[in-house]
Structure formats: C-alpha cells, structure tokens
Amino acid sequence: MRSRFASILLGAILTLSFSAAPSSAQELESWELGINYPGEDPTNPFLLSDEGTAKVEYFVENSGLTEITVEFEFNIPFSGEHEAPEGETISAGSNESFELKISGIDVLSQDAEKKEKFSITATITARQGIPDPLSSSQNREGDLEIPSIFDLALEIAEPFGPMNAGSETILTVTVTNNGNAQDGVGEVDVKDDCPLLSTDNGLDSLLSGNIEAGKEKDANLKVTASESHPKRHCDITVTVTSKREMSGGGNAIAEGEVRVTVEPPPTGDSGSSNQGDGSSNSEDSIESNLPAPGVIVTISGLLWALFFPRDESERKILRKTRY
C-alpha cells in the first residue's frame, strides 16, 4: 500500500510540475518592448531636425498577470544626448508609452542623409515588487538620419575707391556653401538704386556647376557709370537662390550689398579757364587805375599852350596864369 501511495503521489507531483512549467514560461514572456516607427515601418528612419533633435515614441506592453518594473538603457549615435525615463512600473494587462528626446547632434559636421542606429533596451528588475533574478530583457533599434541642410552665404568685395562717370569698376562676388550637402546657385538677381548705372551678366557663371559643402565659388560683376552720371552713392544688391532648395520647393536665399560712389569726370581745361579769368581781371584792374579821358585832354591842352603860344596876348594870359 505504501509503495502504491508513493507512486501516486510522485506522479501527481510530476504532473503538476509539467503542467505548471509552460504557464511560468508564458508568464515570463508576457511583455513586449516596441517603437512607433515613422509610417509604422521599421525601415523608415527618424529624421533629425536642423538643430539636431528628434523624438522617438516607444512603449512597453504587459499582457501578463503580474505587475512588472522595467529599467531602460539608451544608445544614441552621432555623440547625441537623450532625455527619457530611467525606469517605470507597468501594471498587469496594460500598455504604457514613453518619449525619448534626442538632442545635441551637430548635423552640420555630418554628411547629409547619413544614417546610424540608436537602440533602447528594457530589463525587468521586479515582479509585483519582488526582485526578478532572471532579469529578462528586450532590445529594439531604429535609424537616425542626418538632414540635408542648404545654407548659402554671399559676400561682395568692397570697391577700391570712387569711380568716375563714364568709367567702370569690377566687383568680386563670392558664394559659400555653409550647408552639409552639395548645392549650387539656381537664380541670380542684381539691383541698384542709380538709373544711370548698369551691370553686366558676369554673375551668370555662378549658375553652372555645383558647390561642395564647405567650398566657395566666385564671379566678377562689371559696373558701368554713364558719362552723364551725377555725383552720387549707389547701393548694389546681389541675391542668389539655392539650387537644391528650389528643387525641394523651398526658397533659401543669400543676399549681399555694397556701396559704389560715382564722381564727376575729371576736367582737363580747368587751369586755362582760370588763367583766362585772371587776365580779364587784370585788364579790368589796369583800366580802372587809368585817369579819366577828360582829365588827360585838359592837361595836354595846357602843356601845348605853355610851350607853343601863338601871339602876345596869349603869352600875357599864360604869364598871368603862371603867376
């Protein structure tokens, strides 16, 4: 009897053990870590902003019968920083969502459209407040993508000095690609506020080819002032538009301005005209210092009468006059 009872008891224990094992294993795996990918497609990357930031929503689903406490670890590429919960407790039969904020990535120092993976790891540290020695964990990954930044800068070299009416000067215009992707100039616009000033098409050479990131390209703009141009300060403005941004539907522009001073043309006969004026003045001065004609005639008549008297009566008159 004892042997038979022992056999029955042993069989019951083994039966309970085998029937409980699958249930325990199922309970241990009744949770899931997940990431909400763009377009619900794990192959789609998370695109960083121009400031090097991104937000990733992730979740933990606990479909088991016990409460779980989870700790999170994050691995961020491109030397980025992150802000997210370090750990959370998820009730049985619930789904909790969280947000991972990524920042501090210098996108301009990276090539456009470059991708690297980030990862989130969740580890169960306790069940129903009791430490879990198994430390079950799950890991999920996603891609971070560097955006294409189109940033052109424009600089116009200052003129060497004023220009004369009827002459021309050359202005050097330099366009620099400060973005992280290959770009180019899609449009060029030149304006000035002097109607008698004209510019050529020298900047059209900027439209050909591309400018690599961190590189520059320059061209010369010829400015001509009409011979009748008055003395004036003329402001010249050059605007260029990013070729890549235009194709993307944007309107990234760069602008520069420079002031050109136009002086009257030099005159070659200014000295002779001054001499003429001087001679005229001296003649006027000389004429103004001579005695009047009437005085000269009177003096001449007296002298003639003194030296050439005609008769005695005239001599007497002269003698009386003299004395």
C-alpha atoms as a PDB file:
ATOM      1  CA  MET A   1       0.000   0.000   0.000  1.00  0.00           C
ATOM      2  CA  ARG A   2       2.764   2.417   0.888  1.00  0.00           C
ATOM      3  CA  SER A   3       4.594   1.830  -2.314  1.00  0.00           C
ATOM      4  CA  ARG A   4       1.420   2.315  -4.301  1.00  0.00           C
ATOM      5  CA  PHE A   5       0.609   5.575  -2.476  1.00  0.00           C
ATOM      6  CA  ALA A   6       4.136   6.862  -3.038  1.00  0.00           C
ATOM      7  CA  SER A   7       3.863   6.148  -6.732  1.00  0.00           C
ATOM      8  CA  ILE A   8       0.568   8.006  -6.995  1.00  0.00           C
ATOM      9  CA  LEU A   9       1.989  10.987  -5.070  1.00  0.00           C
ATOM     10  CA  LEU A  10       5.091  11.104  -7.210  1.00  0.00           C
ATOM     11  CA  GLY A  11       3.049  11.006 -10.367  1.00  0.00           C
ATOM     12  CA  ALA A  12       0.836  13.825  -9.160  1.00  0.00           C
ATOM     13  CA  ILE A  13       3.870  15.974  -8.364  1.00  0.00           C
ATOM     14  CA  LEU A  14       5.402  15.322 -11.756  1.00  0.00           C
ATOM     15  CA  THR A  15       2.093  16.040 -13.464  1.00  0.00           C
ATOM     16  CA  LEU A  16       1.737  19.338 -11.649  1.00  0.00           C
ATOM     17  CA  SER A  17       5.341  20.251 -12.408  1.00  0.00           C
ATOM     18  CA  PHE A  18       4.984  19.616 -16.136  1.00  0.00           C
ATOM     19  CA  SER A  19       1.642  21.385 -16.315  1.00  0.00           C
ATOM     20  CA  ALA A  20       2.977  24.451 -14.436  1.00  0.00           C
ATOM     21  CA  ALA A  21       6.169  24.875 -16.464  1.00  0.00           C
ATOM     22  CA  PRO A  22       4.559  26.136 -19.665  1.00  0.00           C
ATOM     23  CA  SER A  23       2.431  28.565 -17.660  1.00  0.00           C
ATOM     24  CA  SER A  24       5.515  30.038 -15.893  1.00  0.00           C
ATOM     25  CA  ALA A  25       7.413  30.389 -19.157  1.00  0.00           C
ATOM     26  CA  GLN A  26       4.444  32.099 -20.745  1.00  0.00           C
ATOM     27  CA  GLU A  27       4.169  34.472 -17.785  1.00  0.00           C
ATOM     28  CA  LEU A  28       7.848  35.409 -18.055  1.00  0.00           C
ATOM     29  CA  GLU A  29       7.487  36.338 -21.745  1.00  0.00           C
ATOM     30  CA  SER A  30       4.121  38.097 -21.497  1.00  0.00           C
ATOM     31  CA  TRP A  31       5.519  41.587 -22.107  1.00  0.00           C
ATOM     32  CA  GLU A  32       6.913  43.448 -25.126  1.00  0.00           C
ATOM     33  CA  LEU A  33       9.075  46.495 -25.836  1.00  0.00           C
ATOM     34  CA  GLY A  34       8.216  48.349 -29.031  1.00  0.00           C
ATOM     35  CA  ILE A  35       8.990  51.527 -31.024  1.00  0.00           C
ATOM     36  CA  ASN A  36       6.461  53.543 -33.024  1.00  0.00           C
ATOM     37  CA  TYR A  37       8.360  53.875 -36.297  1.00  0.00           C
ATOM     38  CA  PRO A  38       7.509  56.536 -38.911  1.00  0.00           C
ATOM     39  CA  GLY A  39       4.778  55.174 -41.122  1.00  0.00           C
ATOM     40  CA  GLU A  40       4.716  52.073 -38.892  1.00  0.00           C
ATOM     41  CA  ASP A  41       7.638  50.757 -40.924  1.00  0.00           C
ATOM     42  CA  PRO A  42      10.822  49.796 -39.020  1.00  0.00           C
ATOM     43  CA  THR A  43      12.890  50.510 -42.143  1.00  0.00           C
ATOM     44  CA  ASN A  44      11.870  54.187 -42.078  1.00  0.00           C
ATOM     45  CA  PRO A  45      14.444  56.380 -40.291  1.00  0.00           C
ATOM     46  CA  PHE A  46      13.790  59.124 -37.764  1.00  0.00           C
ATOM     47  CA  LEU A  47      14.889  62.355 -39.472  1.00  0.00           C
ATOM     48  CA  LEU A  48      16.788  64.756 -37.264  1.00  0.00           C
ATOM     49  CA  SER A  49      15.876  68.432 -37.330  1.00  0.00           C
ATOM     50  CA  ASP A  50      18.300  71.142 -38.476  1.00  0.00           C
ATOM     51  CA  GLU A  51      19.037  71.707 -34.779  1.00  0.00           C
ATOM     52  CA  GLY A  52      19.999  68.052 -34.313  1.00  0.00           C
ATOM     53  CA  THR A  53      16.923  66.916 -32.375  1.00  0.00           C
ATOM     54  CA  ALA A  54      14.369  64.117 -32.729  1.00  0.00           C
ATOM     55  CA  LYS A  55      11.575  62.496 -30.714  1.00  0.00           C
ATOM     56  CA  VAL A  56      11.046  58.746 -30.550  1.00  0.00           C
ATOM     57  CA  GLU A  57       7.927  57.237 -29.022  1.00  0.00           C
ATOM     58  CA  TYR A  58       8.296  53.765 -27.555  1.00  0.00           C
ATOM     59  CA  PHE A  59       6.095  51.555 -25.378  1.00  0.00           C
ATOM     60  CA  VAL A  60       6.016  48.554 -23.033  1.00  0.00           C
ATOM     61  CA  GLU A  61       3.013  46.225 -23.213  1.00  0.00           C
ATOM     62  CA  ASN A  62       2.443  43.971 -20.181  1.00  0.00           C
ATOM     63  CA  SER A  63      -0.050  41.265 -21.074  1.00  0.00           C
ATOM     64  CA  GLY A  64       0.845  39.106 -18.043  1.00  0.00           C
ATOM     65  CA  LEU A  65      -0.927  38.659 -14.733  1.00  0.00           C
ATOM     66  CA  THR A  66       1.684  40.375 -12.599  1.00  0.00           C
ATOM     67  CA  GLU A  67       2.961  43.949 -12.348  1.00  0.00           C
ATOM     68  CA  ILE A  68       6.455  44.468 -13.741  1.00  0.00           C
ATOM     69  CA  THR A  69       9.123  47.067 -13.058  1.00  0.00           C
ATOM     70  CA  VAL A  70      11.363  47.899 -16.026  1.00  0.00           C
ATOM     71  CA  GLU A  71      14.640  49.797 -16.366  1.00  0.00           C
ATOM     72  CA  PHE A  72      15.703  51.420 -19.666  1.00  0.00           C
ATOM     73  CA  GLU A  73      19.074  51.926 -21.315  1.00  0.00           C
ATOM     74  CA  PHE A  74      19.681  54.028 -24.465  1.00  0.00           C
ATOM     75  CA  ASN A  75      22.451  54.143 -27.027  1.00  0.00           C
ATOM     76  CA  ILE A  76      22.469  57.355 -29.131  1.00  0.00           C
ATOM     77  CA  PRO A  77      24.740  57.776 -32.194  1.00  0.00           C
ATOM     78  CA  PHE A  78      26.461  60.938 -33.501  1.00  0.00           C
ATOM     79  CA  SER A  79      27.551  61.784 -29.916  1.00  0.00           C
ATOM     80  CA  GLY A  80      23.984  62.779 -29.155  1.00  0.00           C
ATOM     81  CA  GLU A  81      22.319  63.353 -25.804  1.00  0.00           C
ATOM     82  CA  HIS A  82      18.975  61.999 -24.608  1.00  0.00           C
ATOM     83  CA  GLU A  83      16.187  62.597 -22.146  1.00  0.00           C
ATOM     84  CA  ALA A  84      13.818  59.743 -21.168  1.00  0.00           C
ATOM     85  CA  PRO A  85      12.556  57.801 -18.106  1.00  0.00           C
ATOM     86  CA  GLU A  86      15.166  55.564 -16.500  1.00  0.00           C
ATOM     87  CA  GLY A  87      12.585  53.104 -15.243  1.00  0.00           C
ATOM     88  CA  GLU A  88       8.811  52.565 -14.955  1.00  0.00           C
ATOM     89  CA  THR A  89       6.293  50.173 -13.409  1.00  0.00           C
ATOM     90  CA  ILE A  90       3.677  48.733 -15.772  1.00  0.00           C
ATOM     91  CA  SER A  91       0.543  47.226 -14.346  1.00  0.00           C
ATOM     92  CA  ALA A  92      -0.690  43.804 -15.428  1.00  0.00           C
ATOM     93  CA  GLY A  93      -2.694  43.901 -18.657  1.00  0.00           C
ATOM     94  CA  SER A  94      -1.689  47.494 -19.567  1.00  0.00           C
ATOM     95  CA  ASN A  95       0.316  49.301 -22.235  1.00  0.00           C
ATOM     96  CA  GLU A  96       2.457  52.309 -21.304  1.00  0.00           C
ATOM     97  CA  SER A  97       4.005  54.720 -23.841  1.00  0.00           C
ATOM     98  CA  PHE A  98       7.109  56.856 -23.301  1.00  0.00           C
ATOM     99  CA  GLU A  99       9.085  59.502 -25.187  1.00  0.00           C
ATOM    100  CA  LEU A 100      12.774  59.550 -25.953  1.00  0.00           C
ATOM    101  CA  LYS A 101      14.069  63.065 -26.710  1.00  0.00           C
ATOM    102  CA  ILE A 102      17.309  63.125 -28.684  1.00  0.00           C
ATOM    103  CA  SER A 103      19.379  66.320 -28.895  1.00  0.00           C
ATOM    104  CA  GLY A 104      22.887  67.756 -29.091  1.00  0.00           C
ATOM    105  CA  ILE A 105      23.787  66.349 -32.518  1.00  0.00           C
ATOM    106  CA  ASP A 106      25.882  68.639 -34.729  1.00  0.00           C
ATOM    107  CA  VAL A 107      24.237  67.911 -38.058  1.00  0.00           C
ATOM    108  CA  LEU A 108      26.470  70.343 -39.978  1.00  0.00           C
ATOM    109  CA  SER A 109      29.519  68.267 -39.082  1.00  0.00           C
ATOM    110  CA  GLN A 110      27.922  65.160 -40.614  1.00  0.00           C
ATOM    111  CA  ASP A 111      27.238  64.272 -44.236  1.00  0.00           C
ATOM    112  CA  ALA A 112      23.675  64.803 -45.372  1.00  0.00           C
ATOM    113  CA  GLU A 113      21.440  61.680 -45.367  1.00  0.00           C
ATOM    114  CA  LYS A 114      23.922  59.716 -43.255  1.00  0.00           C
ATOM    115  CA  LYS A 115      22.214  57.083 -41.049  1.00  0.00           C
ATOM    116  CA  GLU A 116      23.236  55.437 -37.786  1.00  0.00           C
ATOM    117  CA  LYS A 117      21.295  53.247 -35.396  1.00  0.00           C
ATOM    118  CA  PHE A 118      20.035  54.084 -31.944  1.00  0.00           C
ATOM    119  CA  SER A 119      18.851  51.406 -29.501  1.00  0.00           C
ATOM    120  CA  ILE A 120      16.527  51.041 -26.500  1.00  0.00           C
ATOM    121  CA  THR A 121      16.949  48.213 -24.004  1.00  0.00           C
ATOM    122  CA  ALA A 122      14.318  47.342 -21.364  1.00  0.00           C
ATOM    123  CA  THR A 123      15.100  44.988 -18.482  1.00  0.00           C
ATOM    124  CA  ILE A 124      12.620  43.654 -15.904  1.00  0.00           C
ATOM    125  CA  THR A 125      14.008  44.195 -12.416  1.00  0.00           C
ATOM    126  CA  ALA A 126      10.958  43.165 -10.325  1.00  0.00           C
ATOM    127  CA  ARG A 127       7.557  41.479 -10.462  1.00  0.00           C
ATOM    128  CA  GLN A 128       4.898  42.564  -8.039  1.00  0.00           C
ATOM    129  CA  GLY A 129       7.634  44.489  -6.224  1.00  0.00           C
ATOM    130  CA  ILE A 130       9.748  41.358  -5.751  1.00  0.00           C
ATOM    131  CA  PRO A 131      13.198  41.436  -7.422  1.00  0.00           C
ATOM    132  CA  ASP A 132      13.312  39.255 -10.508  1.00  0.00           C
ATOM    133  CA  PRO A 133      16.523  37.211 -10.559  1.00  0.00           C
ATOM    134  CA  LEU A 134      16.027  36.285 -14.226  1.00  0.00           C
ATOM    135  CA  SER A 135      16.343  39.954 -15.363  1.00  0.00           C
ATOM    136  CA  SER A 136      14.508  39.318 -18.601  1.00  0.00           C
ATOM    137  CA  SER A 137      15.321  41.998 -21.203  1.00  0.00           C
ATOM    138  CA  GLN A 138      14.397  43.101 -24.757  1.00  0.00           C
ATOM    139  CA  ASN A 139      16.110  45.417 -27.226  1.00  0.00           C
ATOM    140  CA  ARG A 140      14.768  47.494 -30.142  1.00  0.00           C
ATOM    141  CA  GLU A 141      16.634  49.571 -32.722  1.00  0.00           C
ATOM    142  CA  GLY A 142      15.908  52.360 -35.156  1.00  0.00           C
ATOM    143  CA  ASP A 143      17.764  54.606 -37.620  1.00  0.00           C
ATOM    144  CA  LEU A 144      18.582  58.291 -37.137  1.00  0.00           C
ATOM    145  CA  GLU A 145      19.147  60.232 -40.359  1.00  0.00           C
ATOM    146  CA  ILE A 146      21.117  63.463 -40.778  1.00  0.00           C
ATOM    147  CA  PRO A 147      19.029  66.050 -42.663  1.00  0.00           C
ATOM    148  CA  SER A 148      20.196  67.881 -45.782  1.00  0.00           C
ATOM    149  CA  ILE A 149      20.900  71.492 -44.859  1.00  0.00           C
ATOM    150  CA  PHE A 150      21.154  74.059 -47.663  1.00  0.00           C
ATOM    151  CA  ASP A 151      22.800  77.251 -46.478  1.00  0.00           C
ATOM    152  CA  LEU A 152      24.441  79.651 -48.931  1.00  0.00           C
ATOM    153  CA  ALA A 153      26.280  82.816 -47.898  1.00  0.00           C
ATOM    154  CA  LEU A 154      27.160  85.715 -50.229  1.00  0.00           C
ATOM    155  CA  GLU A 155      29.862  88.354 -49.934  1.00  0.00           C
ATOM    156  CA  ILE A 156      30.660  91.290 -52.240  1.00  0.00           C
ATOM    157  CA  ALA A 157      34.180  92.698 -52.166  1.00  0.00           C
ATOM    158  CA  GLU A 158      34.370  96.425 -51.444  1.00  0.00           C
ATOM    159  CA  PRO A 159      35.412  98.622 -54.402  1.00  0.00           C
ATOM    160  CA  PHE A 160      38.929 100.082 -54.338  1.00  0.00           C
ATOM    161  CA  GLY A 161      37.558 103.619 -54.284  1.00  0.00           C
ATOM    162  CA  PRO A 162      35.186 106.013 -56.075  1.00  0.00           C
ATOM    163  CA  MET A 163      34.607 105.631 -59.797  1.00  0.00           C
ATOM    164  CA  ASN A 164      34.258 108.460 -62.294  1.00  0.00           C
ATOM    165  CA  ALA A 165      31.250 108.985 -64.504  1.00  0.00           C
ATOM    166  CA  GLY A 166      31.916 107.361 -67.878  1.00  0.00           C
ATOM    167  CA  SER A 167      34.130 104.659 -66.342  1.00  0.00           C
ATOM    168  CA  GLU A 168      33.665 101.106 -64.999  1.00  0.00           C
ATOM    169  CA  THR A 169      34.705  99.031 -61.997  1.00  0.00           C
ATOM    170  CA  ILE A 170      34.797  95.311 -61.150  1.00  0.00           C
ATOM    171  CA  LEU A 171      33.146  93.801 -58.070  1.00  0.00           C
ATOM    172  CA  THR A 172      34.012  90.238 -56.992  1.00  0.00           C
ATOM    173  CA  VAL A 173      31.030  88.245 -55.654  1.00  0.00           C
ATOM    174  CA  THR A 174      31.727  85.089 -53.597  1.00  0.00           C
ATOM    175  CA  VAL A 175      29.116  82.423 -52.754  1.00  0.00           C
ATOM    176  CA  THR A 176      29.963  79.971 -49.941  1.00  0.00           C
ATOM    177  CA  ASN A 177      28.154  76.693 -49.222  1.00  0.00           C
ATOM    178  CA  ASN A 178      27.768  76.573 -45.441  1.00  0.00           C
ATOM    179  CA  GLY A 179      25.430  73.573 -45.564  1.00  0.00           C
ATOM    180  CA  ASN A 180      26.244  69.870 -45.260  1.00  0.00           C
ATOM    181  CA  ALA A 181      25.211  68.833 -48.763  1.00  0.00           C
ATOM    182  CA  GLN A 182      26.253  69.633 -52.298  1.00  0.00           C
ATOM    183  CA  ASP A 183      24.415  72.711 -53.530  1.00  0.00           C
ATOM    184  CA  GLY A 184      24.524  75.348 -56.238  1.00  0.00           C
ATOM    185  CA  VAL A 185      23.111  78.687 -57.358  1.00  0.00           C
ATOM    186  CA  GLY A 186      19.708  78.427 -59.014  1.00  0.00           C
ATOM    187  CA  GLU A 187      18.977  82.120 -59.614  1.00  0.00           C
ATOM    188  CA  VAL A 188      20.902  85.403 -59.541  1.00  0.00           C
ATOM    189  CA  ASP A 189      19.357  88.854 -59.180  1.00  0.00           C
ATOM    190  CA  VAL A 190      21.249  92.189 -59.314  1.00  0.00           C
ATOM    191  CA  LYS A 191      19.643  95.513 -58.376  1.00  0.00           C
ATOM    192  CA  ASP A 192      20.883  99.073 -57.877  1.00  0.00           C
ATOM    193  CA  ASP A 193      19.286 102.413 -56.994  1.00  0.00           C
ATOM    194  CA  CYS A 194      21.018 104.568 -59.640  1.00  0.00           C
ATOM    195  CA  PRO A 195      19.232 104.767 -63.040  1.00  0.00           C
ATOM    196  CA  LEU A 196      22.400 105.782 -64.911  1.00  0.00           C
ATOM    197  CA  LEU A 197      24.358 102.798 -63.564  1.00  0.00           C
ATOM    198  CA  SER A 198      24.457  99.481 -65.440  1.00  0.00           C
ATOM    199  CA  THR A 199      25.801  95.968 -64.703  1.00  0.00           C
ATOM    200  CA  ASP A 200      26.751  93.096 -66.992  1.00  0.00           C
ATOM    201  CA  ASN A 201      25.924  89.359 -66.866  1.00  0.00           C
ATOM    202  CA  GLY A 202      29.204  88.318 -65.260  1.00  0.00           C
ATOM    203  CA  LEU A 203      27.442  86.553 -62.393  1.00  0.00           C
ATOM    204  CA  ASP A 204      25.730  84.094 -64.735  1.00  0.00           C
ATOM    205  CA  SER A 205      28.804  81.890 -64.371  1.00  0.00           C
ATOM    206  CA  LEU A 206      27.626  81.126 -60.821  1.00  0.00           C
ATOM    207  CA  LEU A 207      24.661  79.218 -62.278  1.00  0.00           C
ATOM    208  CA  SER A 208      26.808  76.494 -63.806  1.00  0.00           C
ATOM    209  CA  GLY A 209      28.038  73.534 -61.791  1.00  0.00           C
ATOM    210  CA  ASN A 210      27.669  72.842 -58.069  1.00  0.00           C
ATOM    211  CA  ILE A 211      29.375  73.919 -54.852  1.00  0.00           C
ATOM    212  CA  GLU A 212      30.517  71.207 -52.459  1.00  0.00           C
ATOM    213  CA  ALA A 213      29.799  71.565 -48.745  1.00  0.00           C
ATOM    214  CA  GLY A 214      32.287  73.955 -47.162  1.00  0.00           C
ATOM    215  CA  LYS A 215      33.513  75.250 -50.549  1.00  0.00           C
ATOM    216  CA  GLU A 216      33.013  78.557 -52.357  1.00  0.00           C
ATOM    217  CA  LYS A 217      32.669  79.943 -55.871  1.00  0.00           C
ATOM    218  CA  ASP A 218      33.209  83.495 -57.134  1.00  0.00           C
ATOM    219  CA  ALA A 219      32.486  85.612 -60.206  1.00  0.00           C
ATOM    220  CA  ASN A 220      33.099  89.188 -61.340  1.00  0.00           C
ATOM    221  CA  LEU A 221      30.381  91.800 -61.836  1.00  0.00           C
ATOM    222  CA  LYS A 222      31.249  94.757 -64.095  1.00  0.00           C
ATOM    223  CA  VAL A 223      29.614  98.043 -63.122  1.00  0.00           C
ATOM    224  CA  THR A 224      29.500 100.951 -65.607  1.00  0.00           C
ATOM    225  CA  ALA A 225      28.518 104.550 -64.858  1.00  0.00           C
ATOM    226  CA  SER A 226      27.111 106.735 -67.655  1.00  0.00           C
ATOM    227  CA  GLU A 227      29.107 109.807 -68.711  1.00  0.00           C
ATOM    228  CA  SER A 228      26.218 111.969 -67.526  1.00  0.00           C
ATOM    229  CA  HIS A 229      26.042 110.274 -64.142  1.00  0.00           C
ATOM    230  CA  PRO A 230      25.916 112.844 -61.313  1.00  0.00           C
ATOM    231  CA  LYS A 231      27.923 112.633 -58.124  1.00  0.00           C
ATOM    232  CA  ARG A 232      26.086 110.051 -56.019  1.00  0.00           C
ATOM    233  CA  HIS A 233      26.331 106.993 -53.745  1.00  0.00           C
ATOM    234  CA  CYS A 234      24.853 103.900 -55.438  1.00  0.00           C
ATOM    235  CA  ASP A 235      23.832 100.778 -53.485  1.00  0.00           C
ATOM    236  CA  ILE A 236      24.149  97.496 -55.414  1.00  0.00           C
ATOM    237  CA  THR A 237      22.335  94.388 -54.076  1.00  0.00           C
ATOM    238  CA  VAL A 238      23.036  90.819 -55.263  1.00  0.00           C
ATOM    239  CA  THR A 239      20.682  87.953 -54.341  1.00  0.00           C
ATOM    240  CA  VAL A 240      21.215  84.243 -55.072  1.00  0.00           C
ATOM    241  CA  THR A 241      18.864  81.302 -54.515  1.00  0.00           C
ATOM    242  CA  SER A 242      19.868  77.771 -53.500  1.00  0.00           C
ATOM    243  CA  LYS A 243      19.528  75.329 -56.391  1.00  0.00           C
ATOM    244  CA  ARG A 244      18.791  72.290 -54.178  1.00  0.00           C
ATOM    245  CA  GLU A 245      16.310  74.143 -52.002  1.00  0.00           C
ATOM    246  CA  MET A 246      14.443  75.344 -55.092  1.00  0.00           C
ATOM    247  CA  SER A 247      14.099  71.779 -56.326  1.00  0.00           C
ATOM    248  CA  GLY A 248      12.721  70.827 -52.923  1.00  0.00           C
ATOM    249  CA  GLY A 249      10.083  73.522 -53.006  1.00  0.00           C
ATOM    250  CA  GLY A 250      11.871  75.847 -50.604  1.00  0.00           C
ATOM    251  CA  ASN A 251      13.298  79.325 -51.070  1.00  0.00           C
ATOM    252  CA  ALA A 252      16.663  79.508 -49.309  1.00  0.00           C
ATOM    253  CA  ILE A 253      18.349  82.754 -50.392  1.00  0.00           C
ATOM    254  CA  ALA A 254      21.541  84.660 -49.661  1.00  0.00           C
ATOM    255  CA  GLU A 255      21.988  88.396 -50.151  1.00  0.00           C
ATOM    256  CA  GLY A 256      24.807  90.921 -50.121  1.00  0.00           C
ATOM    257  CA  GLU A 257      25.059  94.680 -50.635  1.00  0.00           C
ATOM    258  CA  VAL A 258      27.848  97.127 -51.445  1.00  0.00           C
ATOM    259  CA  ARG A 259      28.008 100.889 -51.981  1.00  0.00           C
ATOM    260  CA  VAL A 260      29.730 102.431 -55.016  1.00  0.00           C
ATOM    261  CA  THR A 261      30.495 106.157 -55.137  1.00  0.00           C
ATOM    262  CA  VAL A 262      30.315 107.897 -58.526  1.00  0.00           C
ATOM    263  CA  GLU A 263      32.279 111.143 -59.003  1.00  0.00           C
ATOM    264  CA  PRO A 264      32.070 113.643 -61.906  1.00  0.00           C
ATOM    265  CA  PRO A 265      34.582 113.068 -64.723  1.00  0.00           C
ATOM    266  CA  PRO A 266      37.913 114.951 -64.405  1.00  0.00           C
ATOM    267  CA  THR A 267      38.117 118.201 -66.475  1.00  0.00           C
ATOM    268  CA  GLY A 268      41.332 118.937 -68.414  1.00  0.00           C
ATOM    269  CA  ASP A 269      40.757 122.725 -69.226  1.00  0.00           C
ATOM    270  CA  SER A 270      40.145 123.951 -65.695  1.00  0.00           C
ATOM    271  CA  GLY A 271      43.637 125.576 -65.489  1.00  0.00           C
ATOM    272  CA  SER A 272      43.365 127.503 -68.779  1.00  0.00           C
ATOM    273  CA  SER A 273      39.928 128.804 -67.904  1.00  0.00           C
ATOM    274  CA  ASN A 274      41.276 130.084 -64.617  1.00  0.00           C
ATOM    275  CA  GLN A 275      44.134 131.827 -66.450  1.00  0.00           C
ATOM    276  CA  GLY A 276      41.690 133.486 -68.771  1.00  0.00           C
ATOM    277  CA  ASP A 277      39.700 134.762 -65.902  1.00  0.00           C
ATOM    278  CA  GLY A 278      42.850 136.094 -64.283  1.00  0.00           C
ATOM    279  CA  SER A 279      43.913 138.047 -67.400  1.00  0.00           C
ATOM    280  CA  SER A 280      40.477 139.521 -67.740  1.00  0.00           C
ATOM    281  CA  ASN A 281      40.528 140.610 -64.158  1.00  0.00           C
ATOM    282  CA  SER A 282      43.984 142.150 -64.525  1.00  0.00           C
ATOM    283  CA  GLU A 283      42.857 144.070 -67.626  1.00  0.00           C
ATOM    284  CA  ASP A 284      39.847 145.354 -65.759  1.00  0.00           C
ATOM    285  CA  SER A 285      42.133 146.292 -62.899  1.00  0.00           C
ATOM    286  CA  ILE A 286      44.523 148.096 -65.195  1.00  0.00           C
ATOM    287  CA  GLU A 287      41.756 150.028 -66.942  1.00  0.00           C
ATOM    288  CA  SER A 288      40.208 151.013 -63.658  1.00  0.00           C
ATOM    289  CA  ASN A 289      43.543 152.566 -62.477  1.00  0.00           C
ATOM    290  CA  LEU A 290      43.925 154.931 -65.502  1.00  0.00           C
ATOM    291  CA  PRO A 291      42.724 158.591 -65.216  1.00  0.00           C
ATOM    292  CA  ALA A 292      39.552 159.602 -66.953  1.00  0.00           C
ATOM    293  CA  PRO A 293      39.834 160.762 -70.645  1.00  0.00           C
ATOM    294  CA  GLY A 294      38.637 164.313 -69.856  1.00  0.00           C
ATOM    295  CA  VAL A 295      41.448 164.986 -67.424  1.00  0.00           C
ATOM    296  CA  ILE A 296      44.083 163.804 -69.923  1.00  0.00           C
ATOM    297  CA  VAL A 297      42.771 166.120 -72.645  1.00  0.00           C
ATOM    298  CA  THR A 298      42.801 169.155 -70.312  1.00  0.00           C
ATOM    299  CA  ILE A 299      46.379 168.536 -69.160  1.00  0.00           C
ATOM    300  CA  SER A 300      47.561 168.047 -72.752  1.00  0.00           C
ATOM    301  CA  GLY A 301      45.959 171.351 -73.780  1.00  0.00           C
ATOM    302  CA  LEU A 302      47.651 173.280 -71.004  1.00  0.00           C
ATOM    303  CA  LEU A 303      51.060 171.818 -71.854  1.00  0.00           C
ATOM    304  CA  TRP A 304      50.610 172.729 -75.505  1.00  0.00           C
ATOM    305  CA  ALA A 305      49.640 176.305 -74.674  1.00  0.00           C
ATOM    306  CA  LEU A 306      52.662 176.750 -72.420  1.00  0.00           C
ATOM    307  CA  PHE A 307      55.259 175.657 -74.934  1.00  0.00           C
ATOM    308  CA  PHE A 308      53.709 176.898 -78.177  1.00  0.00           C
ATOM    309  CA  PRO A 309      51.898 180.296 -77.598  1.00  0.00           C
ATOM    310  CA  ARG A 310      50.622 181.954 -80.815  1.00  0.00           C
ATOM    311  CA  ASP A 311      50.701 185.760 -80.016  1.00  0.00           C
ATOM    312  CA  GLU A 312      51.480 188.276 -77.367  1.00  0.00           C
ATOM    313  CA  SER A 313      48.029 188.317 -75.928  1.00  0.00           C
ATOM    314  CA  GLU A 314      48.153 184.637 -75.416  1.00  0.00           C
ATOM    315  CA  ARG A 315      51.600 184.944 -73.759  1.00  0.00           C
ATOM    316  CA  LYS A 316      50.211 187.540 -71.363  1.00  0.00           C
ATOM    317  CA  ILE A 317      47.377 185.325 -70.497  1.00  0.00           C
ATOM    318  CA  LEU A 318      49.767 182.412 -69.912  1.00  0.00           C
ATOM    319  CA  ARG A 319      52.067 184.590 -67.780  1.00  0.00           C
ATOM    320  CA  LYS A 320      49.104 185.651 -65.668  1.00  0.00           C
ATOM    321  CA  THR A 321      48.102 182.097 -65.429  1.00  0.00           C
ATOM    322  CA  ARG A 322      51.552 181.018 -64.337  1.00  0.00           C
ATOM    323  CA  TYR A 323      51.819 183.703 -61.716  1.00  0.00           C
END
